[in-house]
C-alpha atoms as a PDB file:
ATOM      1  CA  MET A   1       0.048  -0.521  -0.166  1.00  0.00           C
ATOM      2  CA  THR A   2       2.590   2.671   0.672  1.00  0.00           C
ATOM      3  CA  SER A   3       4.672   1.486  -2.185  1.00  0.00           C
ATOM      4  CA  VAL A   4       1.826   2.004  -4.519  1.00  0.00           C
ATOM      5  CA  VAL A   5       0.698   5.490  -2.070  1.00  0.00           C
ATOM      6  CA  VAL A   6       4.375   6.799  -3.127  1.00  0.00           C
ATOM      7  CA  ALA A   7       4.172   6.655  -6.367  1.00  0.00           C
ATOM      8  CA  ASN A   8       1.033   7.938  -6.882  1.00  0.00           C
ATOM      9  CA  VAL A   9       2.740  11.184  -5.060  1.00  0.00           C
ATOM     10  CA  GLY A  10       5.664  11.495  -7.080  1.00  0.00           C
ATOM     11  CA  SER A  11       3.273  10.494 -10.178  1.00  0.00           C
ATOM     12  CA  ARG A  12       0.942  13.622  -9.626  1.00  0.00           C
ATOM     13  CA  VAL A  13       4.021  16.421  -8.542  1.00  0.00           C
ATOM     14  CA  GLY A  14       5.649  15.178 -11.227  1.00  0.00           C
ATOM     15  CA  ALA A  15       3.300  15.639 -13.902  1.00  0.00           C
ATOM     16  CA  SER A  16       2.716  19.227 -11.952  1.00  0.00           C
ATOM     17  CA  ILE A  17       6.488  20.322 -11.932  1.00  0.00           C
ATOM     18  CA  ARG A  18       6.303  19.158 -15.433  1.00  0.00           C
ATOM     19  CA  VAL A  19       3.363  21.549 -16.373  1.00  0.00           C
ATOM     20  CA  ALA A  20       5.117  24.156 -15.211  1.00  0.00           C
ATOM     21  CA  ARG A  21       7.973  24.037 -16.263  1.00  0.00           C
ATOM     22  CA  ARG A  22       7.097  24.230 -20.461  1.00  0.00           C
ATOM     23  CA  GLN A  23       4.755  26.757 -19.102  1.00  0.00           C
ATOM     24  CA  ALA A  24       7.472  29.271 -17.712  1.00  0.00           C
ATOM     25  CA  GLY A  25       9.120  28.375 -20.889  1.00  0.00           C
ATOM     26  CA  TRP A  26      12.471  26.417 -19.468  1.00  0.00           C
ATOM     27  CA  THR A  27      13.957  23.397 -20.771  1.00  0.00           C
ATOM     28  CA  ILE A  28      14.792  20.370 -18.544  1.00  0.00           C
ATOM     29  CA  ALA A  29      18.393  21.469 -18.484  1.00  0.00           C
ATOM     30  CA  ASP A  30      17.130  25.076 -17.692  1.00  0.00           C
ATOM     31  CA  LEU A  31      15.129  23.420 -14.105  1.00  0.00           C
ATOM     32  CA  ALA A  32      17.838  21.245 -13.791  1.00  0.00           C
ATOM     33  CA  ASP A  33      20.429  24.390 -13.817  1.00  0.00           C
ATOM     34  CA  ARG A  34      18.446  26.087 -11.269  1.00  0.00           C
ATOM     35  CA  VAL A  35      17.986  23.198  -8.784  1.00  0.00           C
ATOM     36  CA  GLY A  36      21.375  22.189  -9.207  1.00  0.00           C
ATOM     37  CA  VAL A  37      21.118  18.712 -10.397  1.00  0.00           C
ATOM     38  CA  SER A  38      21.540  16.504 -13.796  1.00  0.00           C
ATOM     39  CA  ARG A  39      19.334  16.679 -16.085  1.00  0.00           C
ATOM     40  CA  ALA A  40      18.791  12.969 -15.913  1.00  0.00           C
ATOM     41  CA  THR A  41      18.038  13.994 -12.503  1.00  0.00           C
ATOM     42  CA  MET A  42      15.556  16.338 -13.906  1.00  0.00           C
ATOM     43  CA  SER A  43      13.525  14.166 -15.627  1.00  0.00           C
ATOM     44  CA  LYS A  44      13.598  11.490 -13.253  1.00  0.00           C
ATOM     45  CA  ILE A  45      11.717  13.782 -11.011  1.00  0.00           C
ATOM     46  CA  GLU A  46       9.513  14.893 -13.560  1.00  0.00           C
ATOM     47  CA  ALA A  47       8.783  11.258 -14.484  1.00  0.00           C
ATOM     48  CA  GLY A  48       8.094  10.465 -10.250  1.00  0.00           C
ATOM     49  CA  ASP A  49      10.830   8.336 -10.296  1.00  0.00           C
ATOM     50  CA  THR A  50      10.390   7.912  -6.061  1.00  0.00           C
ATOM     51  CA  SER A  51      14.269   7.353  -5.670  1.00  0.00           C
ATOM     52  CA  VAL A  52      15.255  10.613  -6.450  1.00  0.00           C
ATOM     53  CA  ALA A  53      16.198  12.926  -3.083  1.00  0.00           C
ATOM     54  CA  PHE A  54      13.295  14.554  -1.564  1.00  0.00           C
ATOM     55  CA  GLY A  55      15.373  17.427  -1.105  1.00  0.00           C
ATOM     56  CA  SER A  56      15.923  17.900  -4.835  1.00  0.00           C
ATOM     57  CA  VAL A  57      12.023  17.275  -5.356  1.00  0.00           C
ATOM     58  CA  ILE A  58      11.155  19.637  -3.255  1.00  0.00           C
ATOM     59  CA  ALA A  59      13.917  22.648  -4.967  1.00  0.00           C
ATOM     60  CA  ALA A  60      12.266  21.529  -8.580  1.00  0.00           C
ATOM     61  CA  ALA A  61       8.578  22.251  -7.356  1.00  0.00           C
ATOM     62  CA  THR A  62       9.926  25.262  -5.700  1.00  0.00           C
ATOM     63  CA  PHE A  63      11.502  26.816  -8.719  1.00  0.00           C
ATOM     64  CA  THR A  64       8.298  26.003 -10.745  1.00  0.00           C
ATOM     65  CA  ARG A  65       5.930  27.272  -8.134  1.00  0.00           C
ATOM     66  CA  VAL A  66       4.198  23.998  -7.593  1.00  0.00           C
ATOM     67  CA  ASP A  67       2.299  23.349  -4.052  1.00  0.00           C
ATOM     68  CA  VAL A  68       3.033  19.870  -3.316  1.00  0.00           C
ATOM     69  CA  ALA A  69       0.940  19.877  -0.348  1.00  0.00           C
ATOM     70  CA  GLU A  70      -1.985  20.769  -2.619  1.00  0.00           C
ATOM     71  CA  ILE A  71      -0.715  17.322  -4.700  1.00  0.00           C
ATOM     72  CA  ILE A  72      -1.010  15.933  -2.138  1.00  0.00           C
ATOM     73  CA  ASN A  73      -4.187  16.960  -1.155  1.00  0.00           C
ATOM     74  CA  LEU A  74      -3.846  17.679   2.392  1.00  0.00           C
ATOM     75  CA  GLY A  75      -7.422  18.477   3.912  1.00  0.00           C
ATOM     76  CA  PRO A  76      -8.093  19.294   7.914  1.00  0.00           C
ATOM     77  CA  GLY A  77      -8.895  15.974   9.722  1.00  0.00           C
ATOM     78  CA  ASP A  78      -7.065  14.017   6.596  1.00  0.00           C
ATOM     79  CA  LEU A  79      -4.784  12.138   9.255  1.00  0.00           C
ATOM     80  CA  GLN A  80      -5.263   8.298   8.085  1.00  0.00           C
ATOM     81  CA  LYS A  81      -4.392  10.226   3.914  1.00  0.00           C
ATOM     82  CA  ALA A  82      -1.458  12.190   5.727  1.00  0.00           C
ATOM     83  CA  ASP A  83      -0.033   9.181   8.010  1.00  0.00           C
ATOM     84  CA  GLN A  84       0.384   6.798   4.707  1.00  0.00           C
ATOM     85  CA  VAL A  85       1.967   9.539   2.974  1.00  0.00           C
ATOM     86  CA  LEU A  86       4.609   9.968   5.722  1.00  0.00           C
ATOM     87  CA  ASP A  87       4.764   5.783   6.438  1.00  0.00           C
ATOM     88  CA  ALA A  88       5.634   5.782   2.964  1.00  0.00           C
ATOM     89  CA  LEU A  89       8.042   8.166   2.392  1.00  0.00           C
ATOM     90  CA  ASP A  90       9.814   6.894   5.422  1.00  0.00           C
ATOM     91  CA  GLN A  91       9.917   3.954   3.957  1.00  0.00           C
ATOM     92  CA  ALA A  92      11.335   5.105   0.832  1.00  0.00           C
ATOM     93  CA  LEU A  93      14.272   6.815   2.426  1.00  0.00           C
ATOM     94  CA  PRO A  94      17.447   4.842   2.913  1.00  0.00           C
ATOM     95  CA  ASP A  95      18.105   3.305   5.646  1.00  0.00           C
ATOM     96  CA  ARG A  96      21.562   5.475   6.138  1.00  0.00           C
ATOM     97  CA  VAL A  97      18.971   8.428   6.765  1.00  0.00           C
ATOM     98  CA  ARG A  98      16.622   7.380   8.257  1.00  0.00           C
ATOM     99  CA  ARG A  99      18.946   5.893  10.738  1.00  0.00           C
ATOM    100  CA  SER A 100      20.483   9.165  11.309  1.00  0.00           C
ATOM    101  CA  VAL A 101      17.376  10.823  12.014  1.00  0.00           C
ATOM    102  CA  PRO A 102      16.782  10.904  16.413  1.00  0.00           C
ATOM    103  CA  SER A 103      14.123   8.926  17.171  1.00  0.00           C
ATOM    104  CA  ASN A 104      12.812  12.349  19.790  1.00  0.00           C
ATOM    105  CA  ALA A 105      13.012  14.659  16.421  1.00  0.00           C
ATOM    106  CA  PHE A 106       9.391  14.587  15.695  1.00  0.00           C
END
C-alpha cells in the first residue's frame, strides 16, 4: 500500500513540475541548472521516480511554484492519509538516512 501511495504522489508532483516548467518556457536543462541537479535527475523527478532525493524534488517544485501540499491534497482532518504518506516517505528513505534522524526528532 505504501509504495502505491508514494508512486502516486511522485507521479502527480512530477507531472505538475513538468507542466509548470513548460509553461515557464524552460527546458529540462534550464530547470536542472536552477535546482543544481543533472538533466537525468530532473527527468526522473518529472517522471515521478521516487528514488530521487526529496530535497531535489522540493527544490524543483519551489522553482516552478508547484504547491506540493496541494498536490498531496491533505485537508484538515485527513490524518489517515497524512499518516499513509509519511509512512510511505519513511519507507522510501535509504536506511542510512533513516538511522541519522533521532527517534525523538518529531
